[in-house]
Amino acid sequence: MTNKPLLDATILQVCAQAGAAKSICPTDAAKAHATRLGEDDLAWRHWLTEVRRRSVILAGEGRLVIYRKGKPVDPTDFRGVYRLGLPRAD
C-alpha cells in the first residue's frame, strides 16, 4: 500500500527545492521517495507509476503543474515525457 501523503509531500518538496522557475523530472521525485523509505538504489523504478498518478491528482488540486515540452498540459490528458513544477505566479 502506498503512503499517499508521504509521496505527495516528497513530490512537492522536490519541486520546491528546484525552485518556482524550474521543473523536475518525475524520476527525481521517485528517487527521493525511495530514499526517504530507505529502499535500495533501483527501488525508485517501482514508484514511477505512482508518482505519475499522484502528480495528476496534485495538478487537479492546483498544487502542481505538469509540463510537456515546457508548456503546462491538461493533467487528465497528456502523454509521453513530462516534467513537474510548482504553480507559478506569472
PDB file of N, CA and C in Angstrom:
ATOM      1  N   MET A   1       0.846  -1.188   0.000  1.00  0.00           N
ATOM      2  CA  MET A   1       0.000   0.000   0.000  1.00  0.00           C
ATOM      3  C   MET A   1       0.889   1.248   0.000  1.00  0.00           C
ATOM      4  N   THR A   2       0.486   2.220  -0.727  1.00  0.00           N
ATOM      5  CA  THR A   2       1.241   3.462  -0.851  1.00  0.00           C
ATOM      6  C   THR A   2       0.874   4.421   0.270  1.00  0.00           C
ATOM      7  N   ASN A   3       1.869   5.068   0.815  1.00  0.00           N
ATOM      8  CA  ASN A   3       1.625   6.135   1.771  1.00  0.00           C
ATOM      9  C   ASN A   3       1.458   7.408   0.955  1.00  0.00           C
ATOM     10  N   LYS A   4       0.241   7.687   0.519  1.00  0.00           N
ATOM     11  CA  LYS A   4      -0.026   8.801  -0.402  1.00  0.00           C
ATOM     12  C   LYS A   4       0.382  10.156   0.152  1.00  0.00           C
ATOM     13  N   PRO A   5       0.072  10.478   1.414  1.00  0.00           N
ATOM     14  CA  PRO A   5       0.508  11.786   1.922  1.00  0.00           C
ATOM     15  C   PRO A   5       2.035  11.945   1.903  1.00  0.00           C
ATOM     16  N   LEU A   6       2.757  10.875   2.197  1.00  0.00           N
ATOM     17  CA  LEU A   6       4.221  10.952   2.183  1.00  0.00           C
ATOM     18  C   LEU A   6       4.734  11.135   0.756  1.00  0.00           C
ATOM     19  N   LEU A   7       4.165  10.413  -0.194  1.00  0.00           N
ATOM     20  CA  LEU A   7       4.577  10.557  -1.592  1.00  0.00           C
ATOM     21  C   LEU A   7       4.236  11.954  -2.106  1.00  0.00           C
ATOM     22  N   ASP A   8       3.043  12.436  -1.801  1.00  0.00           N
ATOM     23  CA  ASP A   8       2.658  13.800  -2.202  1.00  0.00           C
ATOM     24  C   ASP A   8       3.636  14.824  -1.636  1.00  0.00           C
ATOM     25  N   ALA A   9       3.962  14.677  -0.358  1.00  0.00           N
ATOM     26  CA  ALA A   9       4.888  15.604   0.287  1.00  0.00           C
ATOM     27  C   ALA A   9       6.264  15.552  -0.367  1.00  0.00           C
ATOM     28  N   THR A  10       6.699  14.360  -0.740  1.00  0.00           N
ATOM     29  CA  THR A  10       8.003  14.214  -1.393  1.00  0.00           C
ATOM     30  C   THR A  10       7.999  14.895  -2.752  1.00  0.00           C
ATOM     31  N   ILE A  11       6.966  14.680  -3.538  1.00  0.00           N
ATOM     32  CA  ILE A  11       6.869  15.307  -4.864  1.00  0.00           C
ATOM     33  C   ILE A  11       6.919  16.825  -4.731  1.00  0.00           C
ATOM     34  N   LEU A  12       6.115  17.360  -3.832  1.00  0.00           N
ATOM     35  CA  LEU A  12       6.064  18.810  -3.645  1.00  0.00           C
ATOM     36  C   LEU A  12       7.372  19.358  -3.087  1.00  0.00           C
ATOM     37  N   GLN A  13       8.012  18.600  -2.207  1.00  0.00           N
ATOM     38  CA  GLN A  13       9.283  19.032  -1.627  1.00  0.00           C
ATOM     39  C   GLN A  13      10.382  19.106  -2.693  1.00  0.00           C
ATOM     40  N   VAL A  14      10.456  18.098  -3.552  1.00  0.00           N
ATOM     41  CA  VAL A  14      11.476  18.094  -4.603  1.00  0.00           C
ATOM     42  C   VAL A  14      11.223  19.247  -5.578  1.00  0.00           C
ATOM     43  N   CYS A  15       9.969  19.511  -5.884  1.00  0.00           N
ATOM     44  CA  CYS A  15       9.637  20.660  -6.743  1.00  0.00           C
ATOM     45  C   CYS A  15      10.035  21.970  -6.072  1.00  0.00           C
ATOM     46  N   ALA A  16       9.762  22.087  -4.781  1.00  0.00           N
ATOM     47  CA  ALA A  16      10.104  23.316  -4.049  1.00  0.00           C
ATOM     48  C   ALA A  16      11.615  23.515  -4.001  1.00  0.00           C
ATOM     49  N   GLN A  17      12.352  22.440  -3.845  1.00  0.00           N
ATOM     50  CA  GLN A  17      13.813  22.540  -3.814  1.00  0.00           C
ATOM     51  C   GLN A  17      14.363  23.011  -5.155  1.00  0.00           C
ATOM     52  N   ALA A  18      13.696  22.643  -6.231  1.00  0.00           N
ATOM     53  CA  ALA A  18      14.133  23.074  -7.568  1.00  0.00           C
ATOM     54  C   ALA A  18      13.861  24.558  -7.771  1.00  0.00           C
ATOM     55  N   GLY A  19      12.852  25.073  -7.097  1.00  0.00           N
ATOM     56  CA  GLY A  19      12.502  26.480  -7.222  1.00  0.00           C
ATOM     57  C   GLY A  19      11.309  26.681  -8.140  1.00  0.00           C
ATOM     58  N   ALA A  20      10.642  27.801  -7.980  1.00  0.00           N
ATOM     59  CA  ALA A  20       9.413  28.075  -8.722  1.00  0.00           C
ATOM     60  C   ALA A  20       9.641  28.220 -10.224  1.00  0.00           C
ATOM     61  N   ALA A  21      10.835  28.611 -10.631  1.00  0.00           N
ATOM     62  CA  ALA A  21      11.104  28.838 -12.055  1.00  0.00           C
ATOM     63  C   ALA A  21      11.587  27.583 -12.776  1.00  0.00           C
ATOM     64  N   LYS A  22      11.743  26.472 -12.053  1.00  0.00           N
ATOM     65  CA  LYS A  22      12.260  25.252 -12.667  1.00  0.00           C
ATOM     66  C   LYS A  22      11.289  24.105 -12.491  1.00  0.00           C
ATOM     67  N   SER A  23      11.472  23.091 -13.305  1.00  0.00           N
ATOM     68  CA  SER A  23      10.668  21.884 -13.192  1.00  0.00           C
ATOM     69  C   SER A  23      11.597  20.705 -12.912  1.00  0.00           C
ATOM     70  N   ILE A  24      11.009  19.604 -12.484  1.00  0.00           N
ATOM     71  CA  ILE A  24      11.783  18.407 -12.182  1.00  0.00           C
ATOM     72  C   ILE A  24      11.323  17.247 -13.043  1.00  0.00           C
ATOM     73  N   CYS A  25      12.174  16.266 -13.169  1.00  0.00           N
ATOM     74  CA  CYS A  25      11.826  15.025 -13.834  1.00  0.00           C
ATOM     75  C   CYS A  25      11.106  14.141 -12.811  1.00  0.00           C
ATOM     76  N   PRO A  26      10.078  13.411 -13.197  1.00  0.00           N
ATOM     77  CA  PRO A  26       9.382  12.535 -12.251  1.00  0.00           C
ATOM     78  C   PRO A  26      10.319  11.532 -11.575  1.00  0.00           C
ATOM     79  N   THR A  27      11.391  11.142 -12.260  1.00  0.00           N
ATOM     80  CA  THR A  27      12.331  10.208 -11.639  1.00  0.00           C
ATOM     81  C   THR A  27      13.000  10.827 -10.417  1.00  0.00           C
ATOM     82  N   ASP A  28      13.166  12.152 -10.405  1.00  0.00           N
ATOM     83  CA  ASP A  28      13.742  12.815  -9.237  1.00  0.00           C
ATOM     84  C   ASP A  28      12.852  12.591  -8.011  1.00  0.00           C
ATOM     85  N   ALA A  29      11.555  12.718  -8.200  1.00  0.00           N
ATOM     86  CA  ALA A  29      10.611  12.503  -7.100  1.00  0.00           C
ATOM     87  C   ALA A  29      10.579  11.032  -6.686  1.00  0.00           C
ATOM     88  N   ALA A  30      10.609  10.132  -7.657  1.00  0.00           N
ATOM     89  CA  ALA A  30      10.600   8.701  -7.351  1.00  0.00           C
ATOM     90  C   ALA A  30      11.853   8.300  -6.579  1.00  0.00           C
ATOM     91  N   LYS A  31      13.004   8.819  -6.998  1.00  0.00           N
ATOM     92  CA  LYS A  31      14.259   8.516  -6.298  1.00  0.00           C
ATOM     93  C   LYS A  31      14.242   9.076  -4.881  1.00  0.00           C
ATOM     94  N   ALA A  32      13.759  10.297  -4.713  1.00  0.00           N
ATOM     95  CA  ALA A  32      13.689  10.903  -3.384  1.00  0.00           C
ATOM     96  C   ALA A  32      12.767  10.109  -2.471  1.00  0.00           C
ATOM     97  N   HIS A  33      11.652   9.635  -3.016  1.00  0.00           N
ATOM     98  CA  HIS A  33      10.698   8.868  -2.217  1.00  0.00           C
ATOM     99  C   HIS A  33      11.309   7.524  -1.796  1.00  0.00           C
ATOM    100  N   ALA A  34      11.953   6.844  -2.722  1.00  0.00           N
ATOM    101  CA  ALA A  34      12.587   5.560  -2.396  1.00  0.00           C
ATOM    102  C   ALA A  34      13.671   5.756  -1.338  1.00  0.00           C
ATOM    103  N   THR A  35      14.436   6.823  -1.471  1.00  0.00           N
ATOM    104  CA  THR A  35      15.477   7.122  -0.486  1.00  0.00           C
ATOM    105  C   THR A  35      14.860   7.399   0.880  1.00  0.00           C
ATOM    106  N   ARG A  36      13.784   8.168   0.883  1.00  0.00           N
ATOM    107  CA  ARG A  36      13.087   8.507   2.141  1.00  0.00           C
ATOM    108  C   ARG A  36      12.587   7.253   2.846  1.00  0.00           C
ATOM    109  N   LEU A  37      12.213   6.239   2.057  1.00  0.00           N
ATOM    110  CA  LEU A  37      11.719   4.987   2.624  1.00  0.00           C
ATOM    111  C   LEU A  37      12.842   4.013   2.963  1.00  0.00           C
ATOM    112  N   GLY A  38      14.088   4.388   2.631  1.00  0.00           N
ATOM    113  CA  GLY A  38      15.226   3.522   2.915  1.00  0.00           C
ATOM    114  C   GLY A  38      15.354   2.344   1.970  1.00  0.00           C
ATOM    115  N   GLU A  39      14.807   2.486   0.776  1.00  0.00           N
ATOM    116  CA  GLU A  39      14.859   1.398  -0.208  1.00  0.00           C
ATOM    117  C   GLU A  39      16.177   1.427  -0.978  1.00  0.00           C
ATOM    118  N   ASP A  40      16.443   0.339  -1.701  1.00  0.00           N
ATOM    119  CA  ASP A  40      17.719   0.239  -2.421  1.00  0.00           C
ATOM    120  C   ASP A  40      17.771   1.169  -3.631  1.00  0.00           C
ATOM    121  N   ASP A  41      18.929   1.211  -4.284  1.00  0.00           N
ATOM    122  CA  ASP A  41      19.204   2.172  -5.352  1.00  0.00           C
ATOM    123  C   ASP A  41      18.279   2.086  -6.566  1.00  0.00           C
ATOM    124  N   LEU A  42      17.708   0.917  -6.829  1.00  0.00           N
ATOM    125  CA  LEU A  42      16.846   0.771  -8.004  1.00  0.00           C
ATOM    126  C   LEU A  42      15.352   0.736  -7.673  1.00  0.00           C
ATOM    127  N   ALA A  43      15.026   0.860  -6.404  1.00  0.00           N
ATOM    128  CA  ALA A  43      13.619   0.788  -5.982  1.00  0.00           C
ATOM    129  C   ALA A  43      12.782   1.926  -6.533  1.00  0.00           C
ATOM    130  N   TRP A  44      13.417   3.037  -6.906  1.00  0.00           N
ATOM    131  CA  TRP A  44      12.668   4.190  -7.423  1.00  0.00           C
ATOM    132  C   TRP A  44      11.834   3.820  -8.640  1.00  0.00           C
ATOM    133  N   ARG A  45      12.292   2.846  -9.410  1.00  0.00           N
ATOM    134  CA  ARG A  45      11.546   2.439 -10.615  1.00  0.00           C
ATOM    135  C   ARG A  45      10.129   2.000 -10.276  1.00  0.00           C
ATOM    136  N   HIS A  46       9.983   1.357  -9.146  1.00  0.00           N
ATOM    137  CA  HIS A  46       8.675   0.890  -8.681  1.00  0.00           C
ATOM    138  C   HIS A  46       7.718   2.058  -8.433  1.00  0.00           C
ATOM    139  N   TRP A  47       8.252   3.228  -8.119  1.00  0.00           N
ATOM    140  CA  TRP A  47       7.428   4.379  -7.747  1.00  0.00           C
ATOM    141  C   TRP A  47       7.018   5.263  -8.916  1.00  0.00           C
ATOM    142  N   LEU A  48       7.566   5.058 -10.102  1.00  0.00           N
ATOM    143  CA  LEU A  48       7.276   5.958 -11.228  1.00  0.00           C
ATOM    144  C   LEU A  48       5.794   6.044 -11.580  1.00  0.00           C
ATOM    145  N   THR A  49       5.129   4.922 -11.627  1.00  0.00           N
ATOM    146  CA  THR A  49       3.701   4.931 -11.970  1.00  0.00           C
ATOM    147  C   THR A  49       2.899   5.677 -10.908  1.00  0.00           C
ATOM    148  N   GLU A  50       3.246   5.448  -9.658  1.00  0.00           N
ATOM    149  CA  GLU A  50       2.518   6.119  -8.577  1.00  0.00           C
ATOM    150  C   GLU A  50       2.835   7.612  -8.536  1.00  0.00           C
ATOM    151  N   VAL A  51       4.062   7.997  -8.869  1.00  0.00           N
ATOM    152  CA  VAL A  51       4.407   9.420  -8.953  1.00  0.00           C
ATOM    153  C   VAL A  51       3.527  10.086 -10.012  1.00  0.00           C
ATOM    154  N   ARG A  52       3.371   9.438 -11.158  1.00  0.00           N
ATOM    155  CA  ARG A  52       2.517   9.999 -12.209  1.00  0.00           C
ATOM    156  C   ARG A  52       1.074  10.122 -11.711  1.00  0.00           C
ATOM    157  N   ARG A  53       0.571   9.063 -11.110  1.00  0.00           N
ATOM    158  CA  ARG A  53      -0.811   9.043 -10.624  1.00  0.00           C
ATOM    159  C   ARG A  53      -1.043  10.160  -9.601  1.00  0.00           C
ATOM    160  N   ARG A  54      -0.148  10.285  -8.636  1.00  0.00           N
ATOM    161  CA  ARG A  54      -0.291  11.304  -7.600  1.00  0.00           C
ATOM    162  C   ARG A  54      -0.096  12.704  -8.174  1.00  0.00           C
ATOM    163  N   SER A  55       0.779  12.848  -9.165  1.00  0.00           N
ATOM    164  CA  SER A  55       1.014  14.151  -9.798  1.00  0.00           C
ATOM    165  C   SER A  55      -0.234  14.642 -10.509  1.00  0.00           C
ATOM    166  N   VAL A  56      -0.944  13.749 -11.149  1.00  0.00           N
ATOM    167  CA  VAL A  56      -2.197  14.114 -11.819  1.00  0.00           C
ATOM    168  C   VAL A  56      -3.197  14.625 -10.781  1.00  0.00           C
ATOM    169  N   ILE A  57      -3.272  13.967  -9.646  1.00  0.00           N
ATOM    170  CA  ILE A  57      -4.188  14.397  -8.586  1.00  0.00           C
ATOM    171  C   ILE A  57      -3.763  15.753  -8.030  1.00  0.00           C
ATOM    172  N   LEU A  58      -2.457  15.914  -7.744  1.00  0.00           N
ATOM    173  CA  LEU A  58      -1.962  17.187  -7.218  1.00  0.00           C
ATOM    174  C   LEU A  58      -2.181  18.320  -8.219  1.00  0.00           C
ATOM    175  N   ALA A  59      -2.009  18.037  -9.499  1.00  0.00           N
ATOM    176  CA  ALA A  59      -2.241  19.054 -10.533  1.00  0.00           C
ATOM    177  C   ALA A  59      -3.724  19.416 -10.594  1.00  0.00           C
ATOM    178  N   GLY A  60      -4.585  18.432 -10.457  1.00  0.00           N
ATOM    179  CA  GLY A  60      -6.022  18.690 -10.442  1.00  0.00           C
ATOM    180  C   GLY A  60      -6.447  19.556  -9.269  1.00  0.00           C
ATOM    181  N   GLU A  61      -5.700  19.470  -8.167  1.00  0.00           N
ATOM    182  CA  GLU A  61      -5.970  20.289  -6.982  1.00  0.00           C
ATOM    183  C   GLU A  61      -5.321  21.673  -7.074  1.00  0.00           C
ATOM    184  N   GLY A  62      -4.518  21.892  -8.127  1.00  0.00           N
ATOM    185  CA  GLY A  62      -3.854  23.174  -8.292  1.00  0.00           C
ATOM    186  C   GLY A  62      -2.565  23.322  -7.497  1.00  0.00           C
ATOM    187  N   ARG A  63      -2.075  22.236  -6.934  1.00  0.00           N
ATOM    188  CA  ARG A  63      -0.857  22.281  -6.106  1.00  0.00           C
ATOM    189  C   ARG A  63       0.408  22.011  -6.911  1.00  0.00           C
ATOM    190  N   LEU A  64       0.247  21.585  -8.162  1.00  0.00           N
ATOM    191  CA  LEU A  64       1.368  21.178  -9.003  1.00  0.00           C
ATOM    192  C   LEU A  64       1.003  21.463 -10.451  1.00  0.00           C
ATOM    193  N   VAL A  65       2.003  21.635 -11.305  1.00  0.00           N
ATOM    194  CA  VAL A  65       1.765  21.813 -12.733  1.00  0.00           C
ATOM    195  C   VAL A  65       2.535  20.727 -13.473  1.00  0.00           C
ATOM    196  N   ILE A  66       1.894  20.124 -14.446  1.00  0.00           N
ATOM    197  CA  ILE A  66       2.550  19.126 -15.290  1.00  0.00           C
ATOM    198  C   ILE A  66       2.901  19.810 -16.605  1.00  0.00           C
ATOM    199  N   TYR A  67       4.161  19.677 -16.996  1.00  0.00           N
ATOM    200  CA  TYR A  67       4.663  20.322 -18.215  1.00  0.00           C
ATOM    201  C   TYR A  67       5.031  19.269 -19.251  1.00  0.00           C
ATOM    202  N   ARG A  68       4.774  19.608 -20.488  1.00  0.00           N
ATOM    203  CA  ARG A  68       5.212  18.796 -21.632  1.00  0.00           C
ATOM    204  C   ARG A  68       5.789  19.782 -22.631  1.00  0.00           C
ATOM    205  N   LYS A  69       7.033  19.547 -23.017  1.00  0.00           N
ATOM    206  CA  LYS A  69       7.739  20.444 -23.941  1.00  0.00           C
ATOM    207  C   LYS A  69       7.730  21.882 -23.429  1.00  0.00           C
ATOM    208  N   GLY A  70       7.866  22.029 -22.105  1.00  0.00           N
ATOM    209  CA  GLY A  70       7.972  23.349 -21.490  1.00  0.00           C
ATOM    210  C   GLY A  70       6.672  24.093 -21.279  1.00  0.00           C
ATOM    211  N   LYS A  71       5.546  23.474 -21.639  1.00  0.00           N
ATOM    212  CA  LYS A  71       4.254  24.156 -21.503  1.00  0.00           C
ATOM    213  C   LYS A  71       3.322  23.349 -20.596  1.00  0.00           C
ATOM    214  N   PRO A  72       2.519  24.052 -19.792  1.00  0.00           N
ATOM    215  CA  PRO A  72       1.563  23.333 -18.945  1.00  0.00           C
ATOM    216  C   PRO A  72       0.575  22.528 -19.797  1.00  0.00           C
ATOM    217  N   VAL A  73       0.221  21.356 -19.303  1.00  0.00           N
ATOM    218  CA  VAL A  73      -0.729  20.499 -20.016  1.00  0.00           C
ATOM    219  C   VAL A  73      -1.913  20.170 -19.116  1.00  0.00           C
ATOM    220  N   ASP A  74      -2.961  19.712 -19.729  1.00  0.00           N
ATOM    221  CA  ASP A  74      -4.131  19.239 -19.006  1.00  0.00           C
ATOM    222  C   ASP A  74      -3.713  17.957 -18.266  1.00  0.00           C
ATOM    223  N   PRO A  75      -3.793  17.942 -16.936  1.00  0.00           N
ATOM    224  CA  PRO A  75      -3.332  16.767 -16.200  1.00  0.00           C
ATOM    225  C   PRO A  75      -4.113  15.490 -16.496  1.00  0.00           C
ATOM    226  N   THR A  76      -5.309  15.631 -17.058  1.00  0.00           N
ATOM    227  CA  THR A  76      -6.105  14.441 -17.364  1.00  0.00           C
ATOM    228  C   THR A  76      -5.894  13.948 -18.793  1.00  0.00           C
ATOM    229  N   ASP A  77      -5.077  14.677 -19.579  1.00  0.00           N
ATOM    230  CA  ASP A  77      -4.933  14.318 -20.996  1.00  0.00           C
ATOM    231  C   ASP A  77      -3.542  14.681 -21.523  1.00  0.00           C
ATOM    232  N   PHE A  78      -2.536  13.910 -21.125  1.00  0.00           N
ATOM    233  CA  PHE A  78      -1.190  14.123 -21.653  1.00  0.00           C
ATOM    234  C   PHE A  78      -0.502  12.771 -21.814  1.00  0.00           C
ATOM    235  N   ARG A  79       0.465  12.755 -22.709  1.00  0.00           N
ATOM    236  CA  ARG A  79       1.212  11.528 -22.980  1.00  0.00           C
ATOM    237  C   ARG A  79       2.691  11.836 -23.067  1.00  0.00           C
ATOM    238  N   GLY A  80       3.485  10.797 -22.931  1.00  0.00           N
ATOM    239  CA  GLY A  80       4.909  10.923 -23.162  1.00  0.00           C
ATOM    240  C   GLY A  80       5.686  11.531 -22.012  1.00  0.00           C
ATOM    241  N   VAL A  81       6.831  12.079 -22.373  1.00  0.00           N
ATOM    242  CA  VAL A  81       7.750  12.659 -21.402  1.00  0.00           C
ATOM    243  C   VAL A  81       7.131  13.923 -20.797  1.00  0.00           C
ATOM    244  N   TYR A  82       7.220  14.040 -19.498  1.00  0.00           N
ATOM    245  CA  TYR A  82       6.644  15.198 -18.816  1.00  0.00           C
ATOM    246  C   TYR A  82       7.544  15.609 -17.663  1.00  0.00           C
ATOM    247  N   ARG A  83       7.320  16.806 -17.177  1.00  0.00           N
ATOM    248  CA  ARG A  83       8.055  17.336 -16.031  1.00  0.00           C
ATOM    249  C   ARG A  83       7.058  17.920 -15.044  1.00  0.00           C
ATOM    250  N   LEU A  84       7.515  18.142 -13.828  1.00  0.00           N
ATOM    251  CA  LEU A  84       6.652  18.635 -12.761  1.00  0.00           C
ATOM    252  C   LEU A  84       7.203  19.933 -12.185  1.00  0.00           C
ATOM    253  N   GLY A  85       6.309  20.821 -11.797  1.00  0.00           N
ATOM    254  CA  GLY A  85       6.740  22.060 -11.166  1.00  0.00           C
ATOM    255  C   GLY A  85       5.639  22.637 -10.301  1.00  0.00           C
ATOM    256  N   LEU A  86       6.033  23.587  -9.483  1.00  0.00           N
ATOM    257  CA  LEU A  86       5.060  24.289  -8.658  1.00  0.00           C
ATOM    258  C   LEU A  86       4.325  25.324  -9.506  1.00  0.00           C
ATOM    259  N   PRO A  87       3.101  25.651  -9.140  1.00  0.00           N
ATOM    260  CA  PRO A  87       2.381  26.708  -9.873  1.00  0.00           C
ATOM    261  C   PRO A  87       3.173  28.015  -9.810  1.00  0.00           C
ATOM    262  N   ARG A  88       3.178  28.726 -10.914  1.00  0.00           N
ATOM    263  CA  ARG A  88       3.911  29.998 -10.995  1.00  0.00           C
ATOM    264  C   ARG A  88       2.928  31.153 -10.931  1.00  0.00           C
ATOM    265  N   ALA A  89       3.403  32.261 -10.412  1.00  0.00           N
ATOM    266  CA  ALA A  89       2.558  33.453 -10.268  1.00  0.00           C
ATOM    267  C   ALA A  89       2.352  34.188 -11.587  1.00  0.00           C
ATOM    268  N   ASP A  90       3.245  33.962 -12.575  1.00  0.00           N
ATOM    269  CA  ASP A  90       3.158  34.704 -13.844  1.00  0.00           C
ATOM    270  C   ASP A  90       2.129  34.192 -14.802  1.00  0.00           C
TER     271      ASP A  90
END
